[in-house]
Amino acid sequence: MAMTHPPFTRLGAGMAATIATLGAIALPPTQGWAQTIDAAPIQLAQAAFSDIGGNIYQAEIIRAANLGFIAGPGDGTFRPNNSVTREQAVSILLSAIGVTDDQLTGQPNRFQDVTPSRWSASKIAYAAANDIVTGYADGTFRPTQTVTRAELMAMLKKVSDRYFSGRPQQPTFTFSDTSDHWANDTITYMSGYCNVATPLNEQGVNFGPNAGATRAFTAAAIVRLYDCGAATPAAGNTTPPPPTEPAQTVAIASYETFSLAPGFLPDPATGSGVSGGSDAVPSQCGFGGDINLSGVPDHQLTVEQSFSYLRIFVNASEDVSLVMRNAKTGEFICVDDSNGTLLPEYAGALAAGTYDIWIGDFVANRGFRYDLNITEFPREGSAGTAAPSTAGNSAFARELLEAHNRYRTEVGASGLAWSPTLATSAQGWADQLAAEGAFYHSDRAFRNGAGENLATGGPPGAYTLTGLVNLWGAEQQYFIPGKPFSDAASNTGSWQDIGHYTQIIWRNTTSVGCGLATTADRDILVCHYDPAGNITGQVP
């Protein structure tokens, strides 16, 4: 018989939550942590590494390379999964905060295993003298030892305290594996500092404090720290942060560029950056503030084919604006406050062409971290727009099928087919949850006995459809293959921890249909499955 779903319990203020098919609750990353999972194509030729395509940190790797923080080995690769040593971490960090060779001279060496002739000796000495790093109790630094993710956060926390100030804290994340760790407070703090600390591989609720920091994660974490605090150097800091322009000139845009046509995937296309600049917003916009108008645009959007509807919206912790300019005609599109908030949103038709995009703000010489989202999906309740198409040949259906079937292929299960009938019932339940402002499973009769997966995350557009499905798929780490569905099939001893994932891969399930609804603060994804999975005693 099918197992029943336990009552939903909120596990953390400010955190998104997911519920499995008759299953458990998992906590995905909060705002901003999804921005690099399904990033739009990047066109920064100066950092065209051959081995980062599809990497979850691709956009941040490119930005770090263009800022001059980190480079590849010189053979056209970046080697994102290679580990970073403690001395390499120090070197990258000092580059990020703009320490010059002249500043590295004359520092005493306090570590017995760092010889004066070592390439990193002066850098380690400077970092120790400026309280960026500490050694071990035996007087060593262990320069060639892999830096752990916890140690990296400790270094970044010290840099944030010493070199940057005034950044408001965002909601923090409670990781499941750090409560007894020496770096727990530091890791928690950095999770709220522009999401510098995020779950291992950007999935689940584990941080992996003792895991080695990869080159990809190191680049991403340092870029997040830099973008979060570069505009607010701490008083008395004698080492200026790096220049706001990339070390290598990028002629197209400072951050991500996009080339989109109707039906693009992944949807939304996402980017991020720091708002503001040294120029006034053009007078024709009708509102004030500052942007980087005289420099390269923050982003560039190429519309390959005209859109009858496209939504471009910005998430930030402060009041920001959106300024777009048609690169051919010079016409400006300017948006300040939208939907009763201080955040801007453009929604409507957009003709083919190239558009320069700037994100402005209203605080001189400050700058705020923001996330940019571009989608064909309308906001829930938008006038004159339809809900996302759930037809089998729609971009919506194609992306969700691909996201599901990737997990099924891994276990040798046949691919699911798209069911318009299931999509209709799923969309109906998503709409009802959005209208109620609630989050719970529908009655089995409502879905004619189909299985059901629910996921929610915010703010709207923070997750792609694939990202939402991956929140369910992250439970794969707890699944024990070959065992009948029960508590014994989970290495945690609880079937609730695998219920999302097992419904996705359930071999007897042949079809799926999904619906998406959006509220003021989050997206809600509902997927229905036929035949339903998670049957006690049966092997998934």
Protein backbone atom coordinates (compact mmCIF):
# COMPACT_ATOMS: atom_id res chain seq x y z
CA MET A 1 0.00 0.00 0.00
CA ALA A 2 1.08 3.57 -0.52
CA MET A 3 2.59 5.32 2.45
CA THR A 4 0.96 8.45 3.77
CA HIS A 5 2.65 11.79 3.98
CA PRO A 6 3.50 13.13 7.45
CA PRO A 7 2.48 16.64 8.46
CA PHE A 8 4.58 19.42 6.98
CA THR A 9 6.89 21.07 9.50
CA ARG A 10 8.69 24.35 8.88
CA LEU A 11 12.38 23.69 9.50
CA GLY A 12 13.94 27.12 9.22
CA ALA A 13 12.87 30.74 8.94
CA GLY A 14 13.60 32.28 5.60
CA MET A 15 14.45 28.97 3.93
CA ALA A 16 12.75 27.36 1.00
CA ALA A 17 11.33 23.88 1.48
CA THR A 18 10.39 20.87 -0.60
CA ILE A 19 8.10 17.94 0.07
CA ALA A 20 8.52 14.56 -1.58
CA THR A 21 5.86 12.33 -2.99
CA LEU A 22 4.35 11.11 0.25
CA GLY A 23 7.79 11.90 1.53
CA ALA A 24 10.14 14.09 3.46
CA ILE A 25 11.07 17.73 3.72
CA ALA A 26 14.37 19.02 2.39
CA LEU A 27 15.83 22.49 2.52
CA PRO A 28 17.27 23.88 -0.73
CA PRO A 29 19.48 26.94 -0.88
CA THR A 30 17.91 30.34 -0.27
CA GLN A 31 17.94 33.39 -2.54
CA GLY A 32 21.01 33.75 -4.70
CA TRP A 33 22.32 30.20 -4.18
CA ALA A 34 20.67 28.97 -7.32
CA GLN A 35 22.07 31.68 -9.55
CA THR A 36 24.99 29.63 -10.81
CA ILE A 37 23.30 26.24 -11.18
CA ASP A 38 21.78 26.87 -14.58
CA ALA A 39 23.54 30.01 -15.72
CA ALA A 40 22.91 31.45 -19.17
CA PRO A 41 25.64 31.10 -21.83
CA ILE A 42 28.68 33.24 -21.07
CA GLN A 43 30.52 35.06 -23.83
CA LEU A 44 33.69 36.33 -22.14
CA ALA A 45 36.37 35.17 -24.54
CA GLN A 46 39.22 36.05 -22.18
CA ALA A 47 38.27 33.15 -19.91
CA ALA A 48 37.08 30.57 -22.40
CA PHE A 49 38.23 27.49 -20.49
CA SER A 50 37.51 24.27 -22.34
CA ASP A 51 36.45 22.24 -19.29
CA ILE A 52 33.90 24.41 -17.42
CA GLY A 53 30.91 24.08 -19.74
CA GLY A 54 27.90 23.11 -17.64
CA ASN A 55 29.79 23.54 -14.37
CA ILE A 56 27.53 24.95 -11.66
CA TYR A 57 30.14 27.64 -10.98
CA GLN A 58 30.83 28.48 -14.63
CA ALA A 59 29.77 32.12 -14.46
CA GLU A 60 31.74 32.78 -11.29
CA ILE A 61 34.84 31.01 -12.60
CA ILE A 62 34.79 33.28 -15.64
CA ARG A 63 34.29 36.36 -13.52
CA ALA A 64 37.15 35.39 -11.19
CA ALA A 65 39.46 34.83 -14.15
CA ASN A 66 38.54 38.13 -15.75
CA LEU A 67 39.08 39.93 -12.46
CA GLY A 68 42.54 38.37 -12.33
CA PHE A 69 41.99 36.41 -9.11
CA ILE A 70 42.66 32.95 -10.52
CA ALA A 71 43.96 31.44 -13.76
CA GLY A 72 44.18 28.08 -15.44
CA PRO A 73 47.38 26.06 -15.85
CA GLY A 74 47.95 27.58 -19.30
CA ASP A 75 46.69 24.71 -21.45
CA GLY A 76 43.21 26.17 -22.05
CA THR A 77 41.65 24.31 -19.11
CA PHE A 78 40.63 25.42 -15.64
CA ARG A 79 40.48 22.01 -13.91
CA PRO A 80 37.48 23.01 -11.76
CA ASN A 81 37.39 19.83 -9.68
CA ASN A 82 41.03 19.91 -8.65
CA SER A 83 41.63 20.70 -5.00
CA VAL A 84 43.22 23.91 -3.73
CA THR A 85 46.16 23.87 -1.34
CA ARG A 86 46.44 26.17 1.64
CA GLU A 87 49.18 28.22 0.01
CA GLN A 88 47.19 28.51 -3.23
CA ALA A 89 44.17 29.74 -1.28
CA VAL A 90 46.31 32.45 0.32
CA SER A 91 47.67 33.51 -3.06
CA ILE A 92 44.22 33.78 -4.62
CA LEU A 93 42.86 35.72 -1.66
CA LEU A 94 45.68 38.25 -1.69
CA SER A 95 45.09 38.81 -5.39
CA ALA A 96 41.42 39.41 -4.68
CA ILE A 97 42.12 42.13 -2.11
CA GLY A 98 44.74 43.82 -4.27
CA VAL A 99 47.92 43.13 -2.26
CA THR A 100 50.96 44.18 -4.30
CA ASP A 101 54.44 42.67 -4.41
CA ASP A 102 55.82 45.71 -2.59
CA GLN A 103 53.54 44.96 0.36
CA LEU A 104 54.84 41.42 0.63
CA THR A 105 58.36 42.39 1.63
CA GLY A 106 59.68 42.54 5.16
CA GLN A 107 57.10 40.31 6.81
CA PRO A 108 58.42 37.85 9.44
CA ASN A 109 57.93 34.15 8.79
CA ARG A 110 56.40 32.40 11.79
CA PHE A 111 56.04 28.87 10.34
CA GLN A 112 58.78 26.27 10.58
CA ASP A 113 57.71 24.42 7.43
CA VAL A 114 57.67 27.46 5.12
CA THR A 115 61.20 28.02 3.89
CA PRO A 116 62.23 31.50 2.69
CA SER A 117 62.81 30.13 -0.81
CA ARG A 118 59.27 28.78 -1.16
CA TRP A 119 57.23 30.62 -3.84
CA SER A 120 54.45 31.34 -1.36
CA ALA A 121 56.61 32.28 1.64
CA SER A 122 56.11 36.05 1.47
CA LYS A 123 52.39 35.66 0.80
CA ILE A 124 51.88 33.33 3.74
CA ALA A 125 53.91 35.66 5.96
CA TYR A 126 51.80 38.66 4.90
CA ALA A 127 48.53 36.77 5.43
CA ALA A 128 49.64 35.65 8.90
CA ALA A 129 50.82 39.13 9.88
CA ASN A 130 47.48 40.59 8.82
CA ASP A 131 45.43 37.92 10.63
CA ILE A 132 44.06 36.34 7.47
CA VAL A 133 45.46 32.89 8.31
CA THR A 134 46.78 31.02 11.30
CA GLY A 135 48.89 27.93 11.49
CA TYR A 136 48.66 24.77 13.53
CA ALA A 137 49.54 24.23 17.19
CA ASP A 138 52.85 22.57 16.23
CA GLY A 139 54.08 25.75 14.55
CA THR A 140 53.48 24.58 10.98
CA PHE A 141 51.36 26.02 8.19
CA ARG A 142 51.28 22.92 5.94
CA PRO A 143 51.27 24.90 2.68
CA THR A 144 50.75 21.92 0.37
CA GLN A 145 47.89 20.46 2.37
CA THR A 146 44.47 20.77 0.75
CA VAL A 147 42.49 23.63 2.23
CA THR A 148 39.18 22.43 3.62
CA ARG A 149 35.95 24.22 2.91
CA ALA A 150 35.81 25.24 6.59
CA GLU A 151 39.34 26.65 6.51
CA LEU A 152 38.50 28.59 3.36
CA MET A 153 35.47 30.12 5.08
CA ALA A 154 37.65 31.09 8.05
CA MET A 155 40.04 32.92 5.71
CA LEU A 156 37.18 34.65 3.92
CA LYS A 157 35.56 35.69 7.19
CA LYS A 158 38.78 37.36 8.30
CA VAL A 159 39.07 39.13 4.96
CA SER A 160 35.48 40.35 5.20
CA ASP A 161 36.08 41.67 8.72
CA ARG A 162 39.37 43.37 7.93
CA TYR A 163 38.87 44.70 4.43
CA PHE A 164 35.15 45.21 4.00
CA SER A 165 32.47 46.70 6.20
CA GLY A 166 28.89 47.88 6.14
CA ARG A 167 27.39 44.94 4.26
CA PRO A 168 23.97 44.06 5.75
CA GLN A 169 23.60 40.45 6.74
CA GLN A 170 21.15 38.33 4.74
CA PRO A 171 19.28 35.37 6.27
CA THR A 172 21.69 32.62 7.25
CA PHE A 173 21.42 28.91 6.48
CA THR A 174 21.53 26.10 9.03
CA PHE A 175 23.65 23.25 7.71
CA SER A 176 23.03 19.74 8.95
CA ASP A 177 26.68 18.76 9.44
CA THR A 178 28.38 21.75 11.10
CA SER A 179 26.73 22.14 14.51
CA ASP A 180 29.64 20.46 16.33
CA HIS A 181 32.35 21.74 14.01
CA TRP A 182 34.92 24.31 15.15
CA ALA A 183 33.95 26.58 12.23
CA ASN A 184 30.18 26.40 12.69
CA ASP A 185 29.71 30.06 13.61
CA THR A 186 31.99 31.19 10.80
CA ILE A 187 30.28 29.02 8.19
CA THR A 188 26.84 30.17 9.31
CA TYR A 189 27.92 33.82 9.19
CA MET A 190 29.36 33.46 5.68
CA SER A 191 26.15 31.81 4.47
CA GLY A 192 24.48 35.16 5.16
CA TYR A 193 27.29 37.20 3.62
CA CYS A 194 26.05 37.15 0.01
CA ASN A 195 25.82 33.36 0.17
CA VAL A 196 29.59 32.85 0.29
CA ALA A 197 29.01 29.57 2.19
CA THR A 198 26.61 27.28 0.35
CA PRO A 199 25.76 23.56 0.48
CA LEU A 200 28.21 21.06 -0.95
CA ASN A 201 27.72 21.02 -4.74
CA GLU A 202 24.90 23.55 -4.23
CA GLN A 203 22.51 20.74 -3.23
CA GLY A 204 20.97 19.46 -0.04
CA VAL A 205 21.72 20.71 3.47
CA ASN A 206 25.30 19.52 4.08
CA PHE A 207 28.20 21.96 3.92
CA GLY A 208 30.99 19.36 3.96
CA PRO A 209 33.29 21.39 6.24
CA ASN A 210 36.14 18.88 6.11
CA ALA A 211 35.91 18.28 2.36
CA GLY A 212 38.64 19.78 0.24
CA ALA A 213 37.77 23.06 -1.46
CA THR A 214 37.80 22.69 -5.24
CA ARG A 215 39.12 25.32 -7.61
CA ALA A 216 35.57 25.94 -8.84
CA PHE A 217 34.09 26.51 -5.38
CA THR A 218 37.07 28.61 -4.30
CA ALA A 219 36.65 30.88 -7.32
CA ALA A 220 32.91 31.20 -6.69
CA ALA A 221 33.24 31.91 -2.96
CA ILE A 222 35.88 34.61 -3.47
CA VAL A 223 33.91 36.26 -6.28
CA ARG A 224 30.82 36.36 -4.06
CA LEU A 225 32.84 37.93 -1.25
CA TYR A 226 34.37 40.47 -3.62
CA ASP A 227 31.08 41.43 -5.29
CA CYS A 228 29.40 41.66 -1.91
CA GLY A 229 31.94 43.89 -0.24
CA ALA A 230 34.17 45.49 -2.85
CA ALA A 231 32.26 48.77 -2.75
CA THR A 232 32.60 49.20 1.03
CA PRO A 233 36.25 49.08 2.16
CA ALA A 234 36.65 49.08 5.92
CA ALA A 235 37.90 52.23 7.59
CA GLY A 236 41.64 52.25 8.07
CA ASN A 237 42.26 49.61 5.40
CA THR A 238 45.59 50.39 3.77
CA THR A 239 45.17 47.78 1.07
CA PRO A 240 42.56 48.92 -1.45
CA PRO A 241 40.25 46.32 -2.97
CA PRO A 242 40.81 45.43 -6.62
CA PRO A 243 39.64 47.90 -9.24
CA THR A 244 35.98 47.67 -10.15
CA GLU A 245 36.85 46.98 -13.80
CA PRO A 246 38.09 43.48 -14.69
CA ALA A 247 41.84 43.05 -14.91
CA GLN A 248 41.36 42.01 -18.54
CA THR A 249 39.16 44.40 -20.48
CA VAL A 250 35.84 42.85 -21.43
CA ALA A 251 34.26 44.76 -24.27
CA ILE A 252 30.84 43.16 -24.13
CA ALA A 253 29.66 43.33 -20.52
CA SER A 254 30.96 43.35 -16.98
CA TYR A 255 28.92 40.33 -15.99
CA GLU A 256 26.83 37.77 -17.92
CA THR A 257 25.64 38.16 -21.50
CA PHE A 258 22.57 36.42 -22.91
CA SER A 259 21.44 35.31 -26.36
CA LEU A 260 17.81 34.16 -26.22
CA ALA A 261 14.96 33.11 -28.49
CA PRO A 262 11.42 31.98 -27.59
CA GLY A 263 11.49 28.59 -25.88
CA PHE A 264 15.00 29.10 -24.48
CA LEU A 265 16.34 26.74 -21.83
CA PRO A 266 17.08 26.86 -19.01
CA ASP A 267 14.30 29.28 -18.08
CA PRO A 268 14.92 31.55 -16.27
CA ALA A 269 18.28 32.68 -17.59
CA THR A 270 20.14 34.13 -14.63
CA GLY A 271 22.98 36.49 -13.85
CA SER A 272 24.29 38.59 -11.01
CA GLY A 273 26.48 41.59 -10.25
CA VAL A 274 26.89 44.74 -8.20
CA SER A 275 24.63 47.74 -8.81
CA GLY A 276 25.47 51.39 -9.35
CA GLY A 277 28.31 53.31 -10.93
CA SER A 278 29.75 56.77 -11.31
CA ASP A 279 27.23 58.11 -13.85
CA ALA A 280 23.74 59.55 -13.41
CA VAL A 281 20.78 57.59 -14.74
CA PRO A 282 19.71 59.21 -18.06
CA SER A 283 17.22 62.03 -17.55
CA GLN A 284 14.71 60.42 -19.92
CA CYS A 285 14.23 57.64 -17.38
CA GLY A 286 12.39 59.99 -15.05
CA PHE A 287 14.09 58.81 -11.87
CA GLY A 288 17.49 59.43 -10.31
CA GLY A 289 20.29 57.24 -9.09
CA ASP A 290 23.60 56.06 -10.51
CA ILE A 291 24.71 53.51 -13.11
CA ASN A 292 27.91 52.73 -15.00
CA LEU A 293 26.66 54.35 -18.23
CA SER A 294 30.06 55.50 -19.48
CA GLY A 295 31.60 52.06 -19.05
CA VAL A 296 30.66 48.69 -20.49
CA PRO A 297 27.09 47.62 -19.61
CA ASP A 298 26.50 45.32 -16.68
CA HIS A 299 24.87 42.78 -19.02
CA GLN A 300 24.00 42.49 -22.68
CA LEU A 301 20.90 40.73 -23.99
CA THR A 302 20.63 39.65 -27.61
CA VAL A 303 17.04 38.85 -28.59
CA GLU A 304 17.40 36.47 -31.53
CA GLN A 305 13.67 36.41 -32.29
CA SER A 306 11.01 38.80 -30.99
CA PHE A 307 9.23 37.79 -27.80
CA SER A 308 5.50 38.39 -27.43
CA TYR A 309 6.14 38.25 -23.68
CA LEU A 310 9.36 38.37 -21.70
CA ARG A 311 9.89 39.20 -18.05
CA ILE A 312 13.16 40.69 -16.80
CA PHE A 313 13.32 41.22 -13.06
CA VAL A 314 15.95 42.02 -10.46
CA ASN A 315 16.27 40.74 -6.89
CA ALA A 316 18.35 42.72 -4.40
CA SER A 317 18.39 43.54 -0.71
CA GLU A 318 18.18 47.28 -1.46
CA ASP A 319 16.36 49.69 -3.79
CA VAL A 320 17.74 49.22 -7.32
CA SER A 321 16.62 50.15 -10.84
CA LEU A 322 16.72 48.56 -14.29
CA VAL A 323 17.92 50.53 -17.33
CA MET A 324 17.99 48.96 -20.81
CA ARG A 325 19.14 50.60 -24.05
CA ASN A 326 18.51 49.35 -27.56
CA ALA A 327 22.06 49.17 -28.92
CA LYS A 328 20.88 50.04 -32.44
CA THR A 329 18.33 52.79 -31.85
CA GLY A 330 19.65 54.17 -28.55
CA GLU A 331 16.13 54.07 -27.07
CA PHE A 332 16.01 53.56 -23.31
CA ILE A 333 13.64 51.32 -21.33
CA CYS A 334 13.70 52.38 -17.69
CA VAL A 335 12.04 50.65 -14.72
CA ASP A 336 12.21 51.59 -11.04
CA ASP A 337 9.64 50.21 -8.60
CA SER A 338 7.36 47.31 -9.63
CA ASN A 339 4.56 45.23 -8.10
CA GLY A 340 4.42 47.39 -5.00
CA THR A 341 8.10 46.81 -4.19
CA LEU A 342 11.34 48.76 -4.62
CA LEU A 343 12.59 46.18 -7.12
CA PRO A 344 12.30 46.65 -10.90
CA GLU A 345 10.60 44.36 -13.39
CA TYR A 346 10.09 44.69 -17.14
CA ALA A 347 7.24 42.53 -18.48
CA GLY A 348 5.93 42.61 -22.02
CA ALA A 349 6.86 42.21 -25.67
CA LEU A 350 10.48 42.72 -26.68
CA ALA A 351 11.60 43.11 -30.28
CA ALA A 352 14.59 41.33 -31.79
CA GLY A 353 17.85 43.19 -31.29
CA THR A 354 20.63 43.78 -28.79
CA TYR A 355 20.00 45.50 -25.47
CA ASP A 356 22.56 46.90 -23.06
CA ILE A 357 21.49 46.46 -19.43
CA TRP A 358 22.52 48.38 -16.33
CA ILE A 359 21.39 47.93 -12.74
CA GLY A 360 21.35 51.24 -10.87
CA ASP A 361 20.93 52.21 -7.25
CA PHE A 362 20.26 55.31 -5.18
CA VAL A 363 23.17 55.33 -2.73
CA ALA A 364 26.29 57.04 -4.07
CA ASN A 365 29.52 55.00 -4.08
CA ARG A 366 27.94 51.99 -2.43
CA GLY A 367 26.83 49.20 -4.77
CA PHE A 368 24.54 46.30 -3.90
CA ARG A 369 24.68 42.65 -4.90
CA TYR A 370 21.76 41.70 -7.17
CA ASP A 371 20.42 38.74 -9.15
CA LEU A 372 19.05 39.22 -12.66
CA ASN A 373 16.39 36.81 -13.97
CA ILE A 374 14.96 36.57 -17.49
CA THR A 375 11.93 34.34 -18.09
CA GLU A 376 9.03 33.69 -20.44
CA PHE A 377 6.84 32.79 -17.47
CA PRO A 378 4.48 35.52 -16.24
CA ARG A 379 4.11 36.46 -12.60
CA GLU A 380 1.07 34.84 -11.00
CA GLY A 381 -1.92 37.11 -11.53
CA SER A 382 -0.31 39.25 -14.22
CA ALA A 383 -2.93 40.91 -16.40
CA GLY A 384 -3.13 39.83 -20.02
CA THR A 385 -0.73 36.90 -19.70
CA ALA A 386 -1.33 33.17 -19.68
CA ALA A 387 0.06 30.50 -17.40
CA PRO A 388 3.14 28.63 -18.68
CA SER A 389 2.23 26.24 -21.46
CA THR A 390 2.09 22.66 -20.21
CA ALA A 391 1.81 21.18 -23.72
CA GLY A 392 4.16 18.26 -24.35
CA ASN A 393 6.21 20.19 -26.90
CA SER A 394 6.60 23.33 -24.77
CA ALA A 395 9.91 24.47 -23.32
CA PHE A 396 8.33 23.97 -19.89
CA ALA A 397 7.58 20.29 -20.54
CA ARG A 398 10.87 19.62 -22.31
CA GLU A 399 12.96 20.95 -19.46
CA LEU A 400 11.03 19.05 -16.79
CA LEU A 401 11.18 15.79 -18.75
CA GLU A 402 14.91 16.18 -19.25
CA ALA A 403 15.44 16.95 -15.57
CA HIS A 404 13.47 13.87 -14.50
CA ASN A 405 14.83 11.46 -17.09
CA ARG A 406 18.45 12.27 -16.28
CA TYR A 407 17.95 10.62 -12.90
CA ARG A 408 16.06 7.69 -14.43
CA THR A 409 18.79 7.08 -16.99
CA GLU A 410 21.36 6.85 -14.20
CA VAL A 411 19.54 3.83 -12.71
CA GLY A 412 18.55 2.22 -16.01
CA ALA A 413 14.85 3.13 -15.82
CA SER A 414 13.00 4.02 -19.02
CA GLY A 415 12.24 7.67 -19.66
CA LEU A 416 8.96 9.23 -18.60
CA ALA A 417 6.45 10.57 -21.12
CA TRP A 418 4.65 13.88 -20.70
CA SER A 419 0.97 13.65 -19.77
CA PRO A 420 -1.25 16.70 -20.49
CA THR A 421 -3.84 15.21 -18.14
CA LEU A 422 -1.37 15.04 -15.26
CA ALA A 423 -0.10 18.50 -16.16
CA THR A 424 -3.63 19.89 -15.89
CA SER A 425 -4.20 18.45 -12.42
CA ALA A 426 -0.73 19.54 -11.29
CA GLN A 427 -1.29 23.08 -12.53
CA GLY A 428 -4.64 23.17 -10.77
CA TRP A 429 -3.07 22.22 -7.45
CA ALA A 430 -0.18 24.66 -7.91
CA ASP A 431 -2.68 27.46 -8.53
CA GLN A 432 -4.68 26.49 -5.43
CA LEU A 433 -1.57 26.46 -3.21
CA ALA A 434 -0.58 29.87 -4.54
CA ALA A 435 -4.07 31.26 -3.91
CA GLU A 436 -4.12 29.88 -0.35
CA GLY A 437 -0.55 30.86 0.44
CA ALA A 438 -0.15 27.28 1.66
CA PHE A 439 2.03 24.25 0.96
CA TYR A 440 0.63 20.74 1.43
CA HIS A 441 -0.27 17.65 -0.61
CA SER A 442 -3.51 17.37 -2.51
CA ASP A 443 -6.02 14.65 -1.73
CA ARG A 444 -5.30 11.50 -3.75
CA ALA A 445 -8.78 11.72 -5.24
CA PHE A 446 -7.96 15.17 -6.65
CA ARG A 447 -5.16 13.61 -8.72
CA ASN A 448 -6.94 10.31 -9.41
CA GLY A 449 -4.42 8.34 -7.37
CA ALA A 450 -1.34 9.77 -9.06
CA GLY A 451 1.87 10.33 -7.13
CA GLU A 452 2.77 13.90 -6.25
CA ASN A 453 5.97 15.87 -5.69
CA LEU A 454 5.92 19.44 -4.41
CA ALA A 455 8.76 21.97 -4.36
CA THR A 456 8.84 25.62 -3.49
CA GLY A 457 11.60 28.20 -3.45
CA GLY A 458 11.94 31.93 -3.41
CA PRO A 459 12.11 34.63 -4.39
CA PRO A 460 10.39 34.07 -7.76
CA GLY A 461 12.85 33.00 -10.41
CA ALA A 462 15.59 32.09 -7.92
CA TYR A 463 15.38 28.51 -9.22
CA THR A 464 15.14 27.11 -12.71
CA LEU A 465 12.74 24.24 -13.29
CA THR A 466 15.75 21.94 -13.41
CA GLY A 467 16.96 23.42 -10.13
CA LEU A 468 13.65 22.65 -8.45
CA VAL A 469 13.73 19.04 -9.66
CA ASN A 470 17.32 18.78 -8.47
CA LEU A 471 16.12 19.56 -4.95
CA TRP A 472 14.26 16.27 -5.09
CA GLY A 473 17.12 14.50 -6.82
CA ALA A 474 19.55 15.54 -4.09
CA GLU A 475 18.04 12.82 -1.92
CA GLN A 476 19.92 10.30 -4.06
CA GLN A 477 22.75 10.58 -1.52
CA TYR A 478 20.56 8.88 1.11
CA PHE A 479 19.15 6.12 -1.14
CA ILE A 480 20.35 2.50 -0.86
CA PRO A 481 19.77 0.79 -4.25
CA GLY A 482 18.19 -2.65 -4.44
CA LYS A 483 16.21 -2.53 -1.20
CA PRO A 484 12.40 -2.54 -1.08
CA PHE A 485 10.88 0.86 -0.34
CA SER A 486 10.88 1.29 3.44
CA ASP A 487 13.02 2.90 6.12
CA ALA A 488 15.71 0.34 5.26
CA ALA A 489 16.12 1.87 1.79
CA SER A 490 17.52 5.07 3.31
CA ASN A 491 20.96 5.29 4.90
CA THR A 492 19.41 7.70 7.40
CA GLY A 493 16.95 5.05 8.53
CA SER A 494 13.95 7.10 7.40
CA TRP A 495 12.03 6.67 4.15
CA GLN A 496 10.98 10.34 4.36
CA ASP A 497 14.53 11.30 3.37
CA ILE A 498 14.33 9.57 -0.02
CA GLY A 499 10.67 9.99 -1.03
CA HIS A 500 11.21 12.74 -3.62
CA TYR A 501 13.97 10.84 -5.37
CA THR A 502 12.35 7.41 -5.36
CA GLN A 503 9.20 8.76 -7.01
CA ILE A 504 11.34 10.25 -9.78
CA ILE A 505 13.12 6.93 -10.49
CA TRP A 506 10.19 4.56 -9.72
CA ARG A 507 10.43 1.97 -12.51
CA ASN A 508 6.70 1.36 -12.84
CA THR A 509 5.96 5.06 -13.30
CA THR A 510 5.60 5.89 -16.99
CA SER A 511 4.31 9.46 -17.22
CA VAL A 512 4.57 12.82 -15.52
CA GLY A 513 2.89 16.20 -15.79
CA CYS A 514 3.74 19.36 -13.89
CA GLY A 515 2.40 22.83 -13.15
CA LEU A 516 4.03 26.00 -11.87
CA ALA A 517 2.52 28.89 -9.92
CA THR A 518 4.19 32.03 -8.62
CA THR A 519 3.30 34.12 -5.58
CA ALA A 520 4.79 37.42 -4.49
CA ASP A 521 7.69 35.69 -2.77
CA ARG A 522 8.18 32.24 -4.28
CA ASP A 523 7.57 29.70 -7.04
CA ILE A 524 5.61 26.50 -6.46
CA LEU A 525 6.22 23.44 -8.64
CA VAL A 526 3.80 20.49 -8.57
CA CYS A 527 4.43 17.27 -10.50
CA HIS A 528 2.00 14.34 -10.76
CA TYR A 529 3.12 10.80 -11.65
CA ASP A 530 1.28 7.78 -13.05
CA PRO A 531 1.33 5.08 -11.88
CA ALA A 532 2.22 6.37 -8.43
CA GLY A 533 5.44 5.17 -6.84
CA ASN A 534 6.67 4.71 -3.27
CA ILE A 535 4.81 1.47 -2.62
CA THR A 536 5.88 -0.28 0.58
CA GLY A 537 7.79 -3.50 -0.07
CA GLN A 538 8.41 -2.83 -3.77
CA VAL A 539 11.85 -2.04 -5.15
CA PRO A 540 11.97 1.47 -6.69
